[in-house]
């Protein structure tokens, strides 16, 4: 038996049981873009840069660069962000 396979199986079971993507259970970021002007980010690790034309977010496994105009951080918790404004680009690094 491989070491660590029990934890992986438990995580998969929980993801299936609660109808969640396994990536979210593993801490990967989840982005939900609604139209041009609303971005919900789950599993972030903090804001690296904030401005009306550029917001840079540490998403753990990647860096997100959200560009546009009139960007605003509407709400933020330890795990979730809500950004509004006219978004013209989302780069993943």
PDB file of N, CA and C in Angstrom:
ATOM      1  N   UNK A   1       0.836  -1.178   0.000  1.00  0.00           N
ATOM      2  CA  UNK A   1       0.000   0.000   0.000  1.00  0.00           C
ATOM      3  C   UNK A   1       0.884   1.246   0.000  1.00  0.00           C
ATOM      4  N   UNK A   2       0.509   2.225  -0.793  1.00  0.00           N
ATOM      5  CA  UNK A   2       1.274   3.462  -0.866  1.00  0.00           C
ATOM      6  C   UNK A   2       0.991   4.328   0.355  1.00  0.00           C
ATOM      7  N   UNK A   3       2.036   4.973   0.794  1.00  0.00           N
ATOM      8  CA  UNK A   3       1.896   5.885   1.933  1.00  0.00           C
ATOM      9  C   UNK A   3       1.094   7.108   1.475  1.00  0.00           C
ATOM     10  N   UNK A   4       0.165   7.551   2.289  1.00  0.00           N
ATOM     11  CA  UNK A   4      -0.623   8.740   1.999  1.00  0.00           C
ATOM     12  C   UNK A   4      -1.869   8.475   1.177  1.00  0.00           C
ATOM     13  N   UNK A   5      -2.085   7.257   0.736  1.00  0.00           N
ATOM     14  CA  UNK A   5      -3.253   6.979  -0.098  1.00  0.00           C
ATOM     15  C   UNK A   5      -4.543   7.098   0.702  1.00  0.00           C
ATOM     16  N   UNK A   6      -4.498   6.848   2.018  1.00  0.00           N
ATOM     17  CA  UNK A   6      -5.683   6.982   2.863  1.00  0.00           C
ATOM     18  C   UNK A   6      -6.189   8.411   2.909  1.00  0.00           C
ATOM     19  N   UNK A   7      -5.273   9.373   3.023  1.00  0.00           N
ATOM     20  CA  UNK A   7      -5.664  10.786   3.053  1.00  0.00           C
ATOM     21  C   UNK A   7      -6.275  11.202   1.721  1.00  0.00           C
ATOM     22  N   UNK A   8      -5.698  10.724   0.632  1.00  0.00           N
ATOM     23  CA  UNK A   8      -6.231  11.047  -0.696  1.00  0.00           C
ATOM     24  C   UNK A   8      -7.622  10.457  -0.859  1.00  0.00           C
ATOM     25  N   UNK A   9      -7.819   9.220  -0.424  1.00  0.00           N
ATOM     26  CA  UNK A   9      -9.131   8.598  -0.525  1.00  0.00           C
ATOM     27  C   UNK A   9     -10.155   9.313   0.352  1.00  0.00           C
ATOM     28  N   UNK A  10      -9.758   9.733   1.544  1.00  0.00           N
ATOM     29  CA  UNK A  10     -10.666  10.456   2.434  1.00  0.00           C
ATOM     30  C   UNK A  10     -11.070  11.790   1.825  1.00  0.00           C
ATOM     31  N   UNK A  11     -10.119  12.479   1.191  1.00  0.00           N
ATOM     32  CA  UNK A  11     -10.411  13.758   0.559  1.00  0.00           C
ATOM     33  C   UNK A  11     -11.369  13.559  -0.616  1.00  0.00           C
ATOM     34  N   UNK A  12     -11.153  12.522  -1.398  1.00  0.00           N
ATOM     35  CA  UNK A  12     -12.031  12.232  -2.531  1.00  0.00           C
ATOM     36  C   UNK A  12     -13.431  11.880  -2.032  1.00  0.00           C
ATOM     37  N   UNK A  13     -13.501  11.090  -0.951  1.00  0.00           N
ATOM     38  CA  UNK A  13     -14.802  10.728  -0.364  1.00  0.00           C
ATOM     39  C   UNK A  13     -15.552  11.983   0.075  1.00  0.00           C
ATOM     40  N   UNK A  14     -14.865  12.881   0.771  1.00  0.00           N
ATOM     41  CA  UNK A  14     -15.502  14.116   1.248  1.00  0.00           C
ATOM     42  C   UNK A  14     -15.960  14.973   0.078  1.00  0.00           C
ATOM     43  N   UNK A  15     -15.140  15.066  -0.963  1.00  0.00           N
ATOM     44  CA  UNK A  15     -15.510  15.848  -2.148  1.00  0.00           C
ATOM     45  C   UNK A  15     -16.753  15.270  -2.796  1.00  0.00           C
ATOM     46  N   UNK A  16     -16.809  13.953  -2.921  1.00  0.00           N
ATOM     47  CA  UNK A  16     -17.971  13.297  -3.517  1.00  0.00           C
ATOM     48  C   UNK A  16     -19.202  13.452  -2.633  1.00  0.00           C
ATOM     49  N   UNK A  17     -19.028  13.273  -1.343  1.00  0.00           N
ATOM     50  CA  UNK A  17     -20.139  13.313  -0.381  1.00  0.00           C
ATOM     51  C   UNK A  17     -20.798  14.692  -0.343  1.00  0.00           C
ATOM     52  N   UNK A  18     -19.996  15.737  -0.378  1.00  0.00           N
ATOM     53  CA  UNK A  18     -20.520  17.100  -0.291  1.00  0.00           C
ATOM     54  C   UNK A  18     -20.648  17.774  -1.645  1.00  0.00           C
ATOM     55  N   UNK A  19     -20.467  17.008  -2.714  1.00  0.00           N
ATOM     56  CA  UNK A  19     -20.602  17.502  -4.084  1.00  0.00           C
ATOM     57  C   UNK A  19     -19.701  18.710  -4.336  1.00  0.00           C
ATOM     58  N   UNK A  20     -18.444  18.596  -3.911  1.00  0.00           N
ATOM     59  CA  UNK A  20     -17.451  19.642  -4.116  1.00  0.00           C
ATOM     60  C   UNK A  20     -16.382  19.132  -5.064  1.00  0.00           C
ATOM     61  N   UNK A  21     -15.831  20.007  -5.889  1.00  0.00           N
ATOM     62  CA  UNK A  21     -14.706  19.585  -6.732  1.00  0.00           C
ATOM     63  C   UNK A  21     -13.520  19.178  -5.861  1.00  0.00           C
ATOM     64  N   UNK A  22     -12.843  18.119  -6.228  1.00  0.00           N
ATOM     65  CA  UNK A  22     -11.687  17.647  -5.460  1.00  0.00           C
ATOM     66  C   UNK A  22     -10.609  18.720  -5.374  1.00  0.00           C
ATOM     67  N   UNK A  23     -10.502  19.570  -6.391  1.00  0.00           N
ATOM     68  CA  UNK A  23      -9.495  20.629  -6.396  1.00  0.00           C
ATOM     69  C   UNK A  23      -9.723  21.608  -5.255  1.00  0.00           C
ATOM     70  N   UNK A  24     -10.984  21.915  -4.983  1.00  0.00           N
ATOM     71  CA  UNK A  24     -11.305  22.839  -3.901  1.00  0.00           C
ATOM     72  C   UNK A  24     -10.960  22.196  -2.559  1.00  0.00           C
ATOM     73  N   UNK A  25     -11.257  20.927  -2.426  1.00  0.00           N
ATOM     74  CA  UNK A  25     -10.923  20.220  -1.184  1.00  0.00           C
ATOM     75  C   UNK A  25      -9.410  20.193  -0.966  1.00  0.00           C
ATOM     76  N   UNK A  26      -8.637  20.178  -2.052  1.00  0.00           N
ATOM     77  CA  UNK A  26      -7.177  20.118  -1.944  1.00  0.00           C
ATOM     78  C   UNK A  26      -6.560  21.504  -1.780  1.00  0.00           C
ATOM     79  N   UNK A  27      -7.381  22.562  -1.761  1.00  0.00           N
ATOM     80  CA  UNK A  27      -6.870  23.910  -1.565  1.00  0.00           C
ATOM     81  C   UNK A  27      -6.582  24.665  -2.834  1.00  0.00           C
ATOM     82  N   UNK A  28      -6.914  24.100  -3.989  1.00  0.00           N
ATOM     83  CA  UNK A  28      -6.708  24.807  -5.258  1.00  0.00           C
ATOM     84  C   UNK A  28      -7.705  25.956  -5.348  1.00  0.00           C
ATOM     85  N   UNK A  29      -7.322  27.055  -5.998  1.00  0.00           N
ATOM     86  CA  UNK A  29      -8.247  28.175  -6.104  1.00  0.00           C
ATOM     87  C   UNK A  29      -9.425  27.849  -7.020  1.00  0.00           C
ATOM     88  N   UNK A  30     -10.565  28.436  -6.714  1.00  0.00           N
ATOM     89  CA  UNK A  30     -11.753  28.305  -7.554  1.00  0.00           C
ATOM     90  C   UNK A  30     -12.187  29.707  -7.931  1.00  0.00           C
ATOM     91  N   UNK A  31     -12.288  29.976  -9.227  1.00  0.00           N
ATOM     92  CA  UNK A  31     -12.684  31.285  -9.717  1.00  0.00           C
ATOM     93  C   UNK A  31     -14.045  31.171 -10.372  1.00  0.00           C
ATOM     94  N   UNK A  32     -14.941  32.100 -10.032  1.00  0.00           N
ATOM     95  CA  UNK A  32     -16.250  32.162 -10.658  1.00  0.00           C
ATOM     96  C   UNK A  32     -16.412  33.564 -11.225  1.00  0.00           C
ATOM     97  N   UNK A  33     -16.411  33.654 -12.543  1.00  0.00           N
ATOM     98  CA  UNK A  33     -16.553  34.937 -13.233  1.00  0.00           C
ATOM     99  C   UNK A  33     -17.982  35.050 -13.735  1.00  0.00           C
ATOM    100  N   UNK A  34     -18.649  36.130 -13.357  1.00  0.00           N
ATOM    101  CA  UNK A  34     -20.015  36.380 -13.795  1.00  0.00           C
ATOM    102  C   UNK A  34     -20.009  37.621 -14.665  1.00  0.00           C
ATOM    103  N   UNK A  35     -20.243  37.419 -15.949  1.00  0.00           N
ATOM    104  CA  UNK A  35     -20.205  38.543 -16.887  1.00  0.00           C
ATOM    105  C   UNK A  35     -18.818  39.155 -16.958  1.00  0.00           C
ATOM    106  N   UNK A  36     -18.788  40.448 -17.157  1.00  0.00           N
ATOM    107  CA  UNK A  36     -17.516  41.193 -17.241  1.00  0.00           C
ATOM    108  C   UNK A  36     -17.140  41.833 -15.916  1.00  0.00           C
ATOM    109  N   UNK A  37     -18.057  41.776 -14.928  1.00  0.00           N
ATOM    110  CA  UNK A  37     -17.851  42.669 -13.788  1.00  0.00           C
ATOM    111  C   UNK A  37     -17.939  42.047 -12.401  1.00  0.00           C
ATOM    112  N   UNK A  38     -17.850  40.734 -12.277  1.00  0.00           N
ATOM    113  CA  UNK A  38     -17.925  40.133 -10.938  1.00  0.00           C
ATOM    114  C   UNK A  38     -17.068  38.872 -10.909  1.00  0.00           C
ATOM    115  N   UNK A  39     -16.084  38.853 -10.015  1.00  0.00           N
ATOM    116  CA  UNK A  39     -15.194  37.703  -9.879  1.00  0.00           C
ATOM    117  C   UNK A  39     -15.165  37.261  -8.421  1.00  0.00           C
ATOM    118  N   UNK A  40     -15.525  36.011  -8.199  1.00  0.00           N
ATOM    119  CA  UNK A  40     -15.496  35.418  -6.864  1.00  0.00           C
ATOM    120  C   UNK A  40     -14.337  34.431  -6.836  1.00  0.00           C
ATOM    121  N   UNK A  41     -13.439  34.574  -5.866  1.00  0.00           N
ATOM    122  CA  UNK A  41     -12.260  33.711  -5.752  1.00  0.00           C
ATOM    123  C   UNK A  41     -12.317  32.997  -4.406  1.00  0.00           C
ATOM    124  N   UNK A  42     -12.216  31.674  -4.449  1.00  0.00           N
ATOM    125  CA  UNK A  42     -12.162  30.875  -3.226  1.00  0.00           C
ATOM    126  C   UNK A  42     -10.752  30.310  -3.061  1.00  0.00           C
ATOM    127  N   UNK A  43     -10.337  30.106  -1.840  1.00  0.00           N
ATOM    128  CA  UNK A  43      -9.030  29.533  -1.485  1.00  0.00           C
ATOM    129  C   UNK A  43      -7.857  30.435  -1.855  1.00  0.00           C
ATOM    130  N   UNK A  44      -7.993  31.729  -1.606  1.00  0.00           N
ATOM    131  CA  UNK A  44      -6.891  32.661  -1.851  1.00  0.00           C
ATOM    132  C   UNK A  44      -5.943  32.674  -0.653  1.00  0.00           C
ATOM    133  N   UNK A  45      -4.784  33.269  -0.855  1.00  0.00           N
ATOM    134  CA  UNK A  45      -3.787  33.378   0.220  1.00  0.00           C
ATOM    135  C   UNK A  45      -3.428  34.835   0.506  1.00  0.00           C
ATOM    136  N   UNK A  46      -4.216  35.756  -0.052  1.00  0.00           N
ATOM    137  CA  UNK A  46      -3.981  37.168   0.244  1.00  0.00           C
ATOM    138  C   UNK A  46      -3.843  38.021  -1.001  1.00  0.00           C
ATOM    139  N   UNK A  47      -3.915  39.334  -0.787  1.00  0.00           N
ATOM    140  CA  UNK A  47      -3.777  40.333  -1.847  1.00  0.00           C
ATOM    141  C   UNK A  47      -2.320  40.768  -1.893  1.00  0.00           C
ATOM    142  N   UNK A  48      -1.722  40.734  -3.075  1.00  0.00           N
ATOM    143  CA  UNK A  48      -0.336  41.177  -3.236  1.00  0.00           C
ATOM    144  C   UNK A  48      -0.254  42.620  -3.728  1.00  0.00           C
ATOM    145  N   UNK A  49      -1.241  43.021  -4.531  1.00  0.00           N
ATOM    146  CA  UNK A  49      -1.279  44.390  -5.043  1.00  0.00           C
ATOM    147  C   UNK A  49      -2.730  44.766  -5.279  1.00  0.00           C
ATOM    148  N   UNK A  50      -3.061  46.032  -4.988  1.00  0.00           N
ATOM    149  CA  UNK A  50      -4.449  46.468  -5.122  1.00  0.00           C
ATOM    150  C   UNK A  50      -4.507  47.853  -5.730  1.00  0.00           C
ATOM    151  N   UNK A  51      -5.255  47.987  -6.806  1.00  0.00           N
ATOM    152  CA  UNK A  51      -5.472  49.280  -7.445  1.00  0.00           C
ATOM    153  C   UNK A  51      -6.721  49.213  -8.301  1.00  0.00           C
ATOM    154  N   UNK A  52      -7.154  50.352  -8.830  1.00  0.00           N
ATOM    155  CA  UNK A  52      -8.373  50.400  -9.644  1.00  0.00           C
ATOM    156  C   UNK A  52      -8.216  49.705 -10.988  1.00  0.00           C
ATOM    157  N   UNK A  53      -6.975  49.553 -11.456  1.00  0.00           N
ATOM    158  CA  UNK A  53      -6.741  48.938 -12.763  1.00  0.00           C
ATOM    159  C   UNK A  53      -6.074  47.566 -12.686  1.00  0.00           C
ATOM    160  N   UNK A  54      -5.583  47.182 -11.508  1.00  0.00           N
ATOM    161  CA  UNK A  54      -4.900  45.900 -11.362  1.00  0.00           C
ATOM    162  C   UNK A  54      -5.010  45.409  -9.924  1.00  0.00           C
ATOM    163  N   UNK A  55      -5.422  44.147  -9.785  1.00  0.00           N
ATOM    164  CA  UNK A  55      -5.430  43.490  -8.485  1.00  0.00           C
ATOM    165  C   UNK A  55      -4.668  42.182  -8.658  1.00  0.00           C
ATOM    166  N   UNK A  56      -3.668  41.960  -7.800  1.00  0.00           N
ATOM    167  CA  UNK A  56      -2.877  40.731  -7.863  1.00  0.00           C
ATOM    168  C   UNK A  56      -3.151  39.932  -6.597  1.00  0.00           C
ATOM    169  N   UNK A  57      -3.517  38.663  -6.786  1.00  0.00           N
ATOM    170  CA  UNK A  57      -3.932  37.798  -5.691  1.00  0.00           C
ATOM    171  C   UNK A  57      -3.020  36.578  -5.631  1.00  0.00           C
ATOM    172  N   UNK A  58      -2.551  36.263  -4.429  1.00  0.00           N
ATOM    173  CA  UNK A  58      -1.821  35.019  -4.206  1.00  0.00           C
ATOM    174  C   UNK A  58      -2.861  33.926  -4.042  1.00  0.00           C
ATOM    175  N   UNK A  59      -2.869  32.977  -4.973  1.00  0.00           N
ATOM    176  CA  UNK A  59      -3.843  31.886  -4.923  1.00  0.00           C
ATOM    177  C   UNK A  59      -3.174  30.578  -4.525  1.00  0.00           C
ATOM    178  N   UNK A  60      -2.052  30.672  -3.851  1.00  0.00           N
ATOM    179  CA  UNK A  60      -1.360  29.476  -3.376  1.00  0.00           C
ATOM    180  C   UNK A  60      -0.547  28.815  -4.466  1.00  0.00           C
ATOM    181  N   UNK A  61      -1.201  28.081  -5.324  1.00  0.00           N
ATOM    182  CA  UNK A  61      -0.525  27.366  -6.395  1.00  0.00           C
ATOM    183  C   UNK A  61      -0.243  28.262  -7.603  1.00  0.00           C
ATOM    184  N   UNK A  62      -0.810  29.459  -7.616  1.00  0.00           N
ATOM    185  CA  UNK A  62      -0.610  30.385  -8.731  1.00  0.00           C
ATOM    186  C   UNK A  62      -0.835  31.813  -8.266  1.00  0.00           C
ATOM    187  N   UNK A  63      -0.430  32.739  -9.108  1.00  0.00           N
ATOM    188  CA  UNK A  63      -0.676  34.161  -8.892  1.00  0.00           C
ATOM    189  C   UNK A  63      -1.708  34.591  -9.924  1.00  0.00           C
ATOM    190  N   UNK A  64      -2.748  35.296  -9.471  1.00  0.00           N
ATOM    191  CA  UNK A  64      -3.794  35.800 -10.356  1.00  0.00           C
ATOM    192  C   UNK A  64      -3.613  37.295 -10.533  1.00  0.00           C
ATOM    193  N   UNK A  65      -3.581  37.741 -11.780  1.00  0.00           N
ATOM    194  CA  UNK A  65      -3.513  39.169 -12.078  1.00  0.00           C
ATOM    195  C   UNK A  65      -4.803  39.551 -12.787  1.00  0.00           C
ATOM    196  N   UNK A  66      -5.627  40.331 -12.104  1.00  0.00           N
ATOM    197  CA  UNK A  66      -6.904  40.766 -12.648  1.00  0.00           C
ATOM    198  C   UNK A  66      -6.734  42.204 -13.106  1.00  0.00           C
ATOM    199  N   UNK A  67      -6.934  42.446 -14.394  1.00  0.00           N
ATOM    200  CA  UNK A  67      -6.788  43.796 -14.927  1.00  0.00           C
ATOM    201  C   UNK A  67      -8.136  44.291 -15.436  1.00  0.00           C
ATOM    202  N   UNK A  68      -8.277  45.608 -15.464  1.00  0.00           N
ATOM    203  CA  UNK A  68      -9.514  46.213 -15.926  1.00  0.00           C
ATOM    204  C   UNK A  68      -9.590  47.662 -15.490  1.00  0.00           C
ATOM    205  N   UNK A  69     -10.808  48.133 -15.283  1.00  0.00           N
ATOM    206  CA  UNK A  69     -10.999  49.513 -14.829  1.00  0.00           C
ATOM    207  C   UNK A  69     -12.077  49.533 -13.744  1.00  0.00           C
ATOM    208  N   UNK A  70     -11.919  50.431 -12.813  1.00  0.00           N
ATOM    209  CA  UNK A  70     -12.859  50.555 -11.708  1.00  0.00           C
ATOM    210  C   UNK A  70     -12.929  49.307 -10.837  1.00  0.00           C
ATOM    211  N   UNK A  71     -11.812  48.582 -10.741  1.00  0.00           N
ATOM    212  CA  UNK A  71     -11.797  47.362  -9.934  1.00  0.00           C
ATOM    213  C   UNK A  71     -11.921  47.701  -8.463  1.00  0.00           C
ATOM    214  N   UNK A  72     -12.712  46.917  -7.760  1.00  0.00           N
ATOM    215  CA  UNK A  72     -12.944  47.164  -6.338  1.00  0.00           C
ATOM    216  C   UNK A  72     -13.070  45.838  -5.601  1.00  0.00           C
ATOM    217  N   UNK A  73     -12.430  45.746  -4.467  1.00  0.00           N
ATOM    218  CA  UNK A  73     -12.544  44.592  -3.592  1.00  0.00           C
ATOM    219  C   UNK A  73     -13.761  44.826  -2.703  1.00  0.00           C
ATOM    220  N   UNK A  74     -14.848  44.143  -3.021  1.00  0.00           N
ATOM    221  CA  UNK A  74     -16.114  44.367  -2.325  1.00  0.00           C
ATOM    222  C   UNK A  74     -16.140  43.657  -0.985  1.00  0.00           C
ATOM    223  N   UNK A  75     -15.639  42.426  -0.950  1.00  0.00           N
ATOM    224  CA  UNK A  75     -15.590  41.701   0.322  1.00  0.00           C
ATOM    225  C   UNK A  75     -14.407  40.752   0.326  1.00  0.00           C
ATOM    226  N   UNK A  76     -13.920  40.483   1.537  1.00  0.00           N
ATOM    227  CA  UNK A  76     -12.775  39.607   1.698  1.00  0.00           C
ATOM    228  C   UNK A  76     -12.886  38.886   3.030  1.00  0.00           C
ATOM    229  N   UNK A  77     -12.677  37.577   2.983  1.00  0.00           N
ATOM    230  CA  UNK A  77     -12.588  36.788   4.205  1.00  0.00           C
ATOM    231  C   UNK A  77     -11.284  36.008   4.132  1.00  0.00           C
ATOM    232  N   UNK A  78     -11.035  35.178   5.092  1.00  0.00           N
ATOM    233  CA  UNK A  78      -9.798  34.396   5.114  1.00  0.00           C
ATOM    234  C   UNK A  78      -9.693  33.466   3.911  1.00  0.00           C
ATOM    235  N   UNK A  79     -10.818  33.101   3.303  1.00  0.00           N
ATOM    236  CA  UNK A  79     -10.798  32.150   2.202  1.00  0.00           C
ATOM    237  C   UNK A  79     -11.386  32.668   0.898  1.00  0.00           C
ATOM    238  N   UNK A  80     -12.174  33.751   0.931  1.00  0.00           N
ATOM    239  CA  UNK A  80     -12.886  34.194  -0.257  1.00  0.00           C
ATOM    240  C   UNK A  80     -12.688  35.686  -0.524  1.00  0.00           C
ATOM    241  N   UNK A  81     -12.735  36.023  -1.817  1.00  0.00           N
ATOM    242  CA  UNK A  81     -12.681  37.414  -2.271  1.00  0.00           C
ATOM    243  C   UNK A  81     -13.811  37.652  -3.252  1.00  0.00           C
ATOM    244  N   UNK A  82     -14.338  38.862  -3.268  1.00  0.00           N
ATOM    245  CA  UNK A  82     -15.288  39.269  -4.291  1.00  0.00           C
ATOM    246  C   UNK A  82     -14.780  40.574  -4.885  1.00  0.00           C
ATOM    247  N   UNK A  83     -14.517  40.540  -6.185  1.00  0.00           N
ATOM    248  CA  UNK A  83     -13.997  41.704  -6.910  1.00  0.00           C
ATOM    249  C   UNK A  83     -15.022  42.110  -7.949  1.00  0.00           C
ATOM    250  N   UNK A  84     -15.290  43.412  -8.035  1.00  0.00           N
ATOM    251  CA  UNK A  84     -16.190  43.928  -9.060  1.00  0.00           C
ATOM    252  C   UNK A  84     -15.468  44.997  -9.868  1.00  0.00           C
ATOM    253  N   UNK A  85     -16.046  45.377 -10.979  1.00  0.00           N
ATOM    254  CA  UNK A  85     -15.470  46.362 -11.876  1.00  0.00           C
ATOM    255  C   UNK A  85     -15.416  45.780 -13.277  1.00  0.00           C
ATOM    256  N   UNK A  86     -15.003  46.554 -14.233  1.00  0.00           N
ATOM    257  CA  UNK A  86     -14.909  46.106 -15.627  1.00  0.00           C
ATOM    258  C   UNK A  86     -13.606  45.323 -15.803  1.00  0.00           C
ATOM    259  N   UNK A  87     -13.695  44.012 -15.886  1.00  0.00           N
ATOM    260  CA  UNK A  87     -12.517  43.168 -16.017  1.00  0.00           C
ATOM    261  C   UNK A  87     -12.216  42.904 -17.485  1.00  0.00           C
ATOM    262  N   UNK A  88     -10.972  43.172 -17.855  1.00  0.00           N
ATOM    263  CA  UNK A  88     -10.556  42.958 -19.238  1.00  0.00           C
ATOM    264  C   UNK A  88      -9.565  41.819 -19.382  1.00  0.00           C
ATOM    265  N   UNK A  89      -9.023  41.335 -18.260  1.00  0.00           N
ATOM    266  CA  UNK A  89      -8.090  40.229 -18.336  1.00  0.00           C
ATOM    267  C   UNK A  89      -7.844  39.582 -16.987  1.00  0.00           C
ATOM    268  N   UNK A  90      -7.655  38.258 -17.041  1.00  0.00           N
ATOM    269  CA  UNK A  90      -7.266  37.496 -15.856  1.00  0.00           C
ATOM    270  C   UNK A  90      -6.099  36.619 -16.284  1.00  0.00           C
ATOM    271  N   UNK A  91      -4.920  36.917 -15.752  1.00  0.00           N
ATOM    272  CA  UNK A  91      -3.718  36.141 -16.083  1.00  0.00           C
ATOM    273  C   UNK A  91      -3.388  35.211 -14.933  1.00  0.00           C
ATOM    274  N   UNK A  92      -3.015  33.989 -15.268  1.00  0.00           N
ATOM    275  CA  UNK A  92      -2.602  32.986 -14.286  1.00  0.00           C
ATOM    276  C   UNK A  92      -1.127  32.746 -14.435  1.00  0.00           C
ATOM    277  N   UNK A  93      -0.378  32.875 -13.364  1.00  0.00           N
ATOM    278  CA  UNK A  93       1.071  32.675 -13.413  1.00  0.00           C
ATOM    279  C   UNK A  93       1.469  31.610 -12.410  1.00  0.00           C
TER     280      UNK A  93
END
